[in-house]
Amino acid sequence: MKDADLQVAGRDLYRGALRLLLVLLHDFPEFLGEYYFSLCDAVPQRCIQLRNVILSAFPPTILLPDPYLRTITFDTIPEMGPIPPILSDFASGLKSGDLCSYLDQYLLNRGSPSFLPSLKDRLKLKGNDASESYNLSLINSLVMYIGVSSVAQAKAKSGSLVFVSSDPGVVALQYLAMNLDVEGLHFTYTNTRYPADY
């Protein structure tokens, strides 16, 4: 945002929003954790600092593991067990054009092999001359829906929340990672925070 051509009122609004988020992060981190999807969806792509404040929230009852411990495995961390509440309606962006039903069929191993190439095309904005060519809200909804569905399926099958590389959701995310261009990949991973990411 340093290089952005903002008026004084715009800069004041940005600083005020940042201060408000910092107060919420300090006093009500649960709110940011439960509504992070809707908040990140509303934050413009260039406002990386605002997004990072939102994504850094975690409940005060959870003790974060030391990231420098090499011997720790994710399965042994007690905080990886419960799925945190997500109070945003992240599936609403998928309801246009029956994308949600096609995605459900694919995630249950009943979809067509041509679904993934068509999915890549659905993520692009149609007839838009703006600087962005991808539908950011749709990508956010898609990644979140796949993550939540894959975690729920893994827990139902094995009792573990760890992704298996052969799961359809993992295959879909790998396909997008290999086949989207730089702009699409940036959007895909900027707002990603899976249920067990605390």
C-alpha atoms as a PDB file:
ATOM      1  CA  MET A   1       0.000   0.000   0.000  1.00  0.00           C
ATOM      2  CA  LYS A   2       3.012   2.335   0.258  1.00  0.00           C
ATOM      3  CA  ASP A   3       3.073   2.888  -3.494  1.00  0.00           C
ATOM      4  CA  ALA A   4      -0.694   3.224  -3.839  1.00  0.00           C
ATOM      5  CA  ASP A   5      -2.018   6.590  -4.960  1.00  0.00           C
ATOM      6  CA  LEU A   6      -4.429   7.161  -2.079  1.00  0.00           C
ATOM      7  CA  GLN A   7      -6.087  10.359  -0.973  1.00  0.00           C
ATOM      8  CA  VAL A   8      -5.714  11.446   2.665  1.00  0.00           C
ATOM      9  CA  ALA A   9      -9.167  10.100   3.498  1.00  0.00           C
ATOM     10  CA  GLY A  10      -8.278   6.704   1.969  1.00  0.00           C
ATOM     11  CA  ARG A  11      -5.045   6.472   3.973  1.00  0.00           C
ATOM     12  CA  ASP A  12      -6.909   7.386   7.175  1.00  0.00           C
ATOM     13  CA  LEU A  13      -9.537   4.744   6.434  1.00  0.00           C
ATOM     14  CA  TYR A  14      -6.814   2.127   5.878  1.00  0.00           C
ATOM     15  CA  ARG A  15      -5.007   3.018   9.114  1.00  0.00           C
ATOM     16  CA  GLY A  16      -8.300   3.006  11.022  1.00  0.00           C
ATOM     17  CA  ALA A  17      -9.213  -0.433   9.644  1.00  0.00           C
ATOM     18  CA  LEU A  18      -5.761  -1.742  10.570  1.00  0.00           C
ATOM     19  CA  ARG A  19      -6.054  -0.399  14.118  1.00  0.00           C
ATOM     20  CA  LEU A  20      -9.546  -1.865  14.486  1.00  0.00           C
ATOM     21  CA  LEU A  21      -8.278  -5.289  13.353  1.00  0.00           C
ATOM     22  CA  LEU A  22      -5.362  -5.076  15.793  1.00  0.00           C
ATOM     23  CA  VAL A  23      -7.792  -4.362  18.656  1.00  0.00           C
ATOM     24  CA  LEU A  24      -9.901  -7.354  17.581  1.00  0.00           C
ATOM     25  CA  LEU A  25      -6.769  -9.503  17.317  1.00  0.00           C
ATOM     26  CA  HIS A  26      -5.737  -8.548  20.847  1.00  0.00           C
ATOM     27  CA  ASP A  27      -9.132  -8.662  22.585  1.00  0.00           C
ATOM     28  CA  PHE A  28     -11.350 -10.916  20.428  1.00  0.00           C
ATOM     29  CA  PRO A  29      -9.147 -13.266  18.383  1.00  0.00           C
ATOM     30  CA  GLU A  30     -11.951 -15.851  18.323  1.00  0.00           C
ATOM     31  CA  PHE A  31     -14.071 -13.456  16.233  1.00  0.00           C
ATOM     32  CA  LEU A  32     -11.322 -13.082  13.635  1.00  0.00           C
ATOM     33  CA  GLY A  33     -10.737 -16.840  13.647  1.00  0.00           C
ATOM     34  CA  GLU A  34     -14.411 -17.689  13.149  1.00  0.00           C
ATOM     35  CA  TYR A  35     -15.125 -15.058  10.476  1.00  0.00           C
ATOM     36  CA  TYR A  36     -11.733 -14.901   8.785  1.00  0.00           C
ATOM     37  CA  PHE A  37     -13.107 -16.198   5.488  1.00  0.00           C
ATOM     38  CA  SER A  38     -15.650 -13.392   5.061  1.00  0.00           C
ATOM     39  CA  LEU A  39     -13.170 -10.786   6.256  1.00  0.00           C
ATOM     40  CA  CYS A  40     -10.403 -11.902   3.884  1.00  0.00           C
ATOM     41  CA  ASP A  41     -12.896 -12.041   1.044  1.00  0.00           C
ATOM     42  CA  ALA A  42     -13.776  -8.377   1.671  1.00  0.00           C
ATOM     43  CA  VAL A  43     -10.188  -7.147   1.998  1.00  0.00           C
ATOM     44  CA  PRO A  44      -8.704  -5.922  -1.307  1.00  0.00           C
ATOM     45  CA  GLN A  45      -5.893  -8.054  -2.720  1.00  0.00           C
ATOM     46  CA  ARG A  46      -3.261  -5.336  -2.278  1.00  0.00           C
ATOM     47  CA  CYS A  47      -3.920  -4.970   1.473  1.00  0.00           C
ATOM     48  CA  ILE A  48      -1.579  -7.760   2.524  1.00  0.00           C
ATOM     49  CA  GLN A  49      -0.984  -6.378   6.018  1.00  0.00           C
ATOM     50  CA  LEU A  50      -4.720  -6.363   6.801  1.00  0.00           C
ATOM     51  CA  ARG A  51      -5.039  -9.940   5.554  1.00  0.00           C
ATOM     52  CA  ASN A  52      -2.036 -11.092   7.597  1.00  0.00           C
ATOM     53  CA  VAL A  53      -3.518  -9.618  10.783  1.00  0.00           C
ATOM     54  CA  ILE A  54      -6.756 -11.525  10.180  1.00  0.00           C
ATOM     55  CA  LEU A  55      -4.997 -14.803   9.337  1.00  0.00           C
ATOM     56  CA  SER A  56      -2.718 -14.625  12.388  1.00  0.00           C
ATOM     57  CA  ALA A  57      -5.626 -14.862  14.851  1.00  0.00           C
ATOM     58  CA  PHE A  58      -5.964 -17.979  16.984  1.00  0.00           C
ATOM     59  CA  PRO A  59      -7.916 -18.706  20.195  1.00  0.00           C
ATOM     60  CA  PRO A  60      -6.035 -17.802  23.393  1.00  0.00           C
ATOM     61  CA  THR A  61      -6.734 -21.262  24.825  1.00  0.00           C
ATOM     62  CA  ILE A  62      -4.477 -22.873  22.204  1.00  0.00           C
ATOM     63  CA  LEU A  63      -0.739 -23.026  22.718  1.00  0.00           C
ATOM     64  CA  LEU A  64       1.003 -22.879  19.360  1.00  0.00           C
ATOM     65  CA  PRO A  65       3.727 -25.501  18.805  1.00  0.00           C
ATOM     66  CA  ASP A  66       7.325 -24.432  18.355  1.00  0.00           C
ATOM     67  CA  PRO A  67       7.860 -24.215  14.578  1.00  0.00           C
ATOM     68  CA  TYR A  68      11.575 -24.984  14.960  1.00  0.00           C
ATOM     69  CA  LEU A  69      11.094 -28.446  16.455  1.00  0.00           C
ATOM     70  CA  ARG A  70      12.057 -30.928  13.752  1.00  0.00           C
ATOM     71  CA  THR A  71      10.961 -34.056  15.611  1.00  0.00           C
ATOM     72  CA  ILE A  72       7.304 -33.113  15.995  1.00  0.00           C
ATOM     73  CA  THR A  73       4.653 -34.686  13.782  1.00  0.00           C
ATOM     74  CA  PHE A  74       1.309 -33.041  13.111  1.00  0.00           C
ATOM     75  CA  ASP A  75      -0.658 -36.097  14.210  1.00  0.00           C
ATOM     76  CA  THR A  76       0.723 -35.841  17.750  1.00  0.00           C
ATOM     77  CA  ILE A  77      -0.332 -32.203  18.319  1.00  0.00           C
ATOM     78  CA  PRO A  78      -3.535 -32.243  20.423  1.00  0.00           C
ATOM     79  CA  GLU A  79      -4.761 -28.983  18.880  1.00  0.00           C
ATOM     80  CA  MET A  80      -4.924 -30.646  15.449  1.00  0.00           C
ATOM     81  CA  GLY A  81      -7.868 -32.791  16.559  1.00  0.00           C
ATOM     82  CA  PRO A  82     -10.872 -30.494  16.908  1.00  0.00           C
ATOM     83  CA  ILE A  83     -12.113 -28.729  13.785  1.00  0.00           C
ATOM     84  CA  PRO A  84     -12.496 -25.027  14.619  1.00  0.00           C
ATOM     85  CA  PRO A  85     -15.825 -23.317  13.917  1.00  0.00           C
ATOM     86  CA  ILE A  86     -16.104 -21.421  10.629  1.00  0.00           C
ATOM     87  CA  LEU A  87     -19.138 -19.162  10.837  1.00  0.00           C
ATOM     88  CA  SER A  88     -18.867 -17.737   7.319  1.00  0.00           C
ATOM     89  CA  ASP A  89     -20.978 -19.174   4.516  1.00  0.00           C
ATOM     90  CA  PHE A  90     -18.022 -20.114   2.329  1.00  0.00           C
ATOM     91  CA  ALA A  91     -20.111 -22.372   0.052  1.00  0.00           C
ATOM     92  CA  SER A  92     -22.384 -19.557  -1.151  1.00  0.00           C
ATOM     93  CA  GLY A  93     -19.960 -18.573  -3.912  1.00  0.00           C
ATOM     94  CA  LEU A  94     -20.162 -22.058  -5.443  1.00  0.00           C
ATOM     95  CA  LYS A  95     -23.936 -22.179  -5.868  1.00  0.00           C
ATOM     96  CA  SER A  96     -24.042 -20.316  -9.179  1.00  0.00           C
ATOM     97  CA  GLY A  97     -24.057 -22.558 -12.227  1.00  0.00           C
ATOM     98  CA  ASP A  98     -24.337 -25.864 -10.298  1.00  0.00           C
ATOM     99  CA  LEU A  99     -20.609 -25.789  -9.513  1.00  0.00           C
ATOM    100  CA  CYS A 100     -21.260 -27.045  -5.976  1.00  0.00           C
ATOM    101  CA  SER A 101     -23.082 -30.179  -7.176  1.00  0.00           C
ATOM    102  CA  TYR A 102     -20.361 -30.973  -9.749  1.00  0.00           C
ATOM    103  CA  LEU A 103     -17.709 -30.444  -7.082  1.00  0.00           C
ATOM    104  CA  ASP A 104     -19.530 -32.712  -4.623  1.00  0.00           C
ATOM    105  CA  GLN A 105     -19.734 -35.462  -7.238  1.00  0.00           C
ATOM    106  CA  TYR A 106     -16.018 -35.133  -7.941  1.00  0.00           C
ATOM    107  CA  LEU A 107     -15.060 -35.154  -4.255  1.00  0.00           C
ATOM    108  CA  LEU A 108     -17.071 -38.364  -3.779  1.00  0.00           C
ATOM    109  CA  ASN A 109     -15.181 -40.054  -6.677  1.00  0.00           C
ATOM    110  CA  ARG A 110     -18.252 -39.950  -8.899  1.00  0.00           C
ATOM    111  CA  GLY A 111     -17.259 -37.055 -11.147  1.00  0.00           C
ATOM    112  CA  SER A 112     -16.151 -36.951 -14.744  1.00  0.00           C
ATOM    113  CA  PRO A 113     -12.400 -36.776 -15.574  1.00  0.00           C
ATOM    114  CA  SER A 114     -13.080 -33.616 -17.573  1.00  0.00           C
ATOM    115  CA  PHE A 115     -14.198 -31.772 -14.423  1.00  0.00           C
ATOM    116  CA  LEU A 116     -10.759 -30.416 -13.459  1.00  0.00           C
ATOM    117  CA  PRO A 117      -9.997 -28.750 -16.832  1.00  0.00           C
ATOM    118  CA  SER A 118     -13.485 -27.210 -16.802  1.00  0.00           C
ATOM    119  CA  LEU A 119     -12.925 -26.050 -13.220  1.00  0.00           C
ATOM    120  CA  LYS A 120      -9.872 -24.074 -14.274  1.00  0.00           C
ATOM    121  CA  ASP A 121     -11.955 -22.259 -16.907  1.00  0.00           C
ATOM    122  CA  ARG A 122     -14.761 -21.516 -14.440  1.00  0.00           C
ATOM    123  CA  LEU A 123     -12.351 -19.632 -12.162  1.00  0.00           C
ATOM    124  CA  LYS A 124     -11.674 -16.972 -14.802  1.00  0.00           C
ATOM    125  CA  LEU A 125     -13.699 -13.787 -15.084  1.00  0.00           C
ATOM    126  CA  LYS A 126     -15.648 -13.597 -18.315  1.00  0.00           C
ATOM    127  CA  GLY A 127     -15.527 -10.444 -20.434  1.00  0.00           C
ATOM    128  CA  ASN A 128     -13.712  -8.321 -17.883  1.00  0.00           C
ATOM    129  CA  ASP A 129     -10.998  -5.862 -18.874  1.00  0.00           C
ATOM    130  CA  ALA A 130      -9.780  -5.333 -15.305  1.00  0.00           C
ATOM    131  CA  SER A 131      -6.250  -6.047 -14.165  1.00  0.00           C
ATOM    132  CA  GLU A 132      -7.360  -9.330 -12.544  1.00  0.00           C
ATOM    133  CA  SER A 133      -8.530 -12.194 -14.715  1.00  0.00           C
ATOM    134  CA  TYR A 134      -9.672 -14.559 -11.922  1.00  0.00           C
ATOM    135  CA  ASN A 135     -12.760 -14.511  -9.742  1.00  0.00           C
ATOM    136  CA  LEU A 136     -11.096 -14.153  -6.350  1.00  0.00           C
ATOM    137  CA  SER A 137     -14.252 -14.846  -4.312  1.00  0.00           C
ATOM    138  CA  LEU A 138     -14.889 -18.035  -6.276  1.00  0.00           C
ATOM    139  CA  ILE A 139     -11.303 -19.243  -5.776  1.00  0.00           C
ATOM    140  CA  ASN A 140     -11.550 -18.534  -2.035  1.00  0.00           C
ATOM    141  CA  SER A 141     -14.831 -20.453  -1.793  1.00  0.00           C
ATOM    142  CA  LEU A 142     -13.490 -23.349  -3.861  1.00  0.00           C
ATOM    143  CA  VAL A 143     -10.277 -23.825  -1.868  1.00  0.00           C
ATOM    144  CA  MET A 144     -12.107 -23.564   1.443  1.00  0.00           C
ATOM    145  CA  TYR A 145     -14.854 -25.974   0.363  1.00  0.00           C
ATOM    146  CA  ILE A 146     -12.333 -28.534  -0.875  1.00  0.00           C
ATOM    147  CA  GLY A 147     -10.292 -28.199   2.334  1.00  0.00           C
ATOM    148  CA  VAL A 148     -13.259 -28.606   4.673  1.00  0.00           C
ATOM    149  CA  SER A 149     -14.724 -31.482   2.639  1.00  0.00           C
ATOM    150  CA  SER A 150     -11.389 -33.316   2.459  1.00  0.00           C
ATOM    151  CA  VAL A 151     -10.796 -32.961   6.193  1.00  0.00           C
ATOM    152  CA  ALA A 152     -14.318 -34.232   6.961  1.00  0.00           C
ATOM    153  CA  GLN A 153     -13.874 -37.207   4.611  1.00  0.00           C
ATOM    154  CA  ALA A 154     -10.450 -38.058   6.060  1.00  0.00           C
ATOM    155  CA  LYS A 155     -11.837 -37.939   9.601  1.00  0.00           C
ATOM    156  CA  ALA A 156     -14.813 -40.119   8.619  1.00  0.00           C
ATOM    157  CA  LYS A 157     -12.610 -42.740   6.928  1.00  0.00           C
ATOM    158  CA  SER A 158      -9.602 -43.017   9.211  1.00  0.00           C
ATOM    159  CA  GLY A 159     -10.232 -40.794  12.220  1.00  0.00           C
ATOM    160  CA  SER A 160      -7.243 -38.660  11.201  1.00  0.00           C
ATOM    161  CA  LEU A 161      -7.332 -35.112   9.832  1.00  0.00           C
ATOM    162  CA  VAL A 162      -4.269 -35.617   7.643  1.00  0.00           C
ATOM    163  CA  PHE A 163      -4.784 -35.373   3.886  1.00  0.00           C
ATOM    164  CA  VAL A 164      -4.070 -38.462   1.819  1.00  0.00           C
ATOM    165  CA  SER A 165      -2.434 -37.701  -1.526  1.00  0.00           C
ATOM    166  CA  SER A 166      -4.931 -39.849  -3.441  1.00  0.00           C
ATOM    167  CA  ASP A 167      -8.019 -38.035  -2.088  1.00  0.00           C
ATOM    168  CA  PRO A 168      -9.970 -36.231  -4.835  1.00  0.00           C
ATOM    169  CA  GLY A 169      -9.726 -32.909  -2.980  1.00  0.00           C
ATOM    170  CA  VAL A 170      -5.952 -33.145  -2.802  1.00  0.00           C
ATOM    171  CA  VAL A 171      -5.808 -34.119  -6.474  1.00  0.00           C
ATOM    172  CA  ALA A 172      -7.949 -31.086  -7.367  1.00  0.00           C
ATOM    173  CA  LEU A 173      -5.719 -28.686  -5.419  1.00  0.00           C
ATOM    174  CA  GLN A 174      -2.601 -30.247  -6.974  1.00  0.00           C
ATOM    175  CA  TYR A 175      -4.137 -29.858 -10.425  1.00  0.00           C
ATOM    176  CA  LEU A 176      -4.838 -26.176  -9.795  1.00  0.00           C
ATOM    177  CA  ALA A 177      -1.319 -25.681  -8.402  1.00  0.00           C
ATOM    178  CA  MET A 178       0.213 -27.213 -11.527  1.00  0.00           C
ATOM    179  CA  ASN A 179      -2.068 -25.645 -14.135  1.00  0.00           C
ATOM    180  CA  LEU A 180      -2.971 -22.134 -12.987  1.00  0.00           C
ATOM    181  CA  ASP A 181      -0.760 -19.237 -13.967  1.00  0.00           C
ATOM    182  CA  VAL A 182       1.028 -17.041 -11.408  1.00  0.00           C
ATOM    183  CA  GLU A 183      -1.982 -14.809 -10.743  1.00  0.00           C
ATOM    184  CA  GLY A 184      -4.293 -17.760 -10.108  1.00  0.00           C
ATOM    185  CA  LEU A 185      -1.772 -19.464  -7.811  1.00  0.00           C
ATOM    186  CA  HIS A 186      -1.312 -16.279  -5.820  1.00  0.00           C
ATOM    187  CA  PHE A 187      -5.060 -16.013  -5.270  1.00  0.00           C
ATOM    188  CA  THR A 188      -5.330 -19.709  -4.435  1.00  0.00           C
ATOM    189  CA  TYR A 189      -2.790 -19.622  -1.605  1.00  0.00           C
ATOM    190  CA  THR A 190      -3.142 -16.083  -0.218  1.00  0.00           C
ATOM    191  CA  ASN A 191      -6.277 -16.692   1.820  1.00  0.00           C
ATOM    192  CA  THR A 192      -5.887 -20.404   2.421  1.00  0.00           C
ATOM    193  CA  ARG A 193      -6.277 -21.561   5.986  1.00  0.00           C
ATOM    194  CA  TYR A 194      -7.554 -25.078   6.416  1.00  0.00           C
ATOM    195  CA  PRO A 195      -9.586 -26.169   9.452  1.00  0.00           C
ATOM    196  CA  ALA A 196      -6.574 -27.592  11.279  1.00  0.00           C
ATOM    197  CA  ASP A 197      -4.327 -24.559  10.674  1.00  0.00           C
ATOM    198  CA  TYR A 198      -4.350 -23.233  14.222  1.00  0.00           C
END
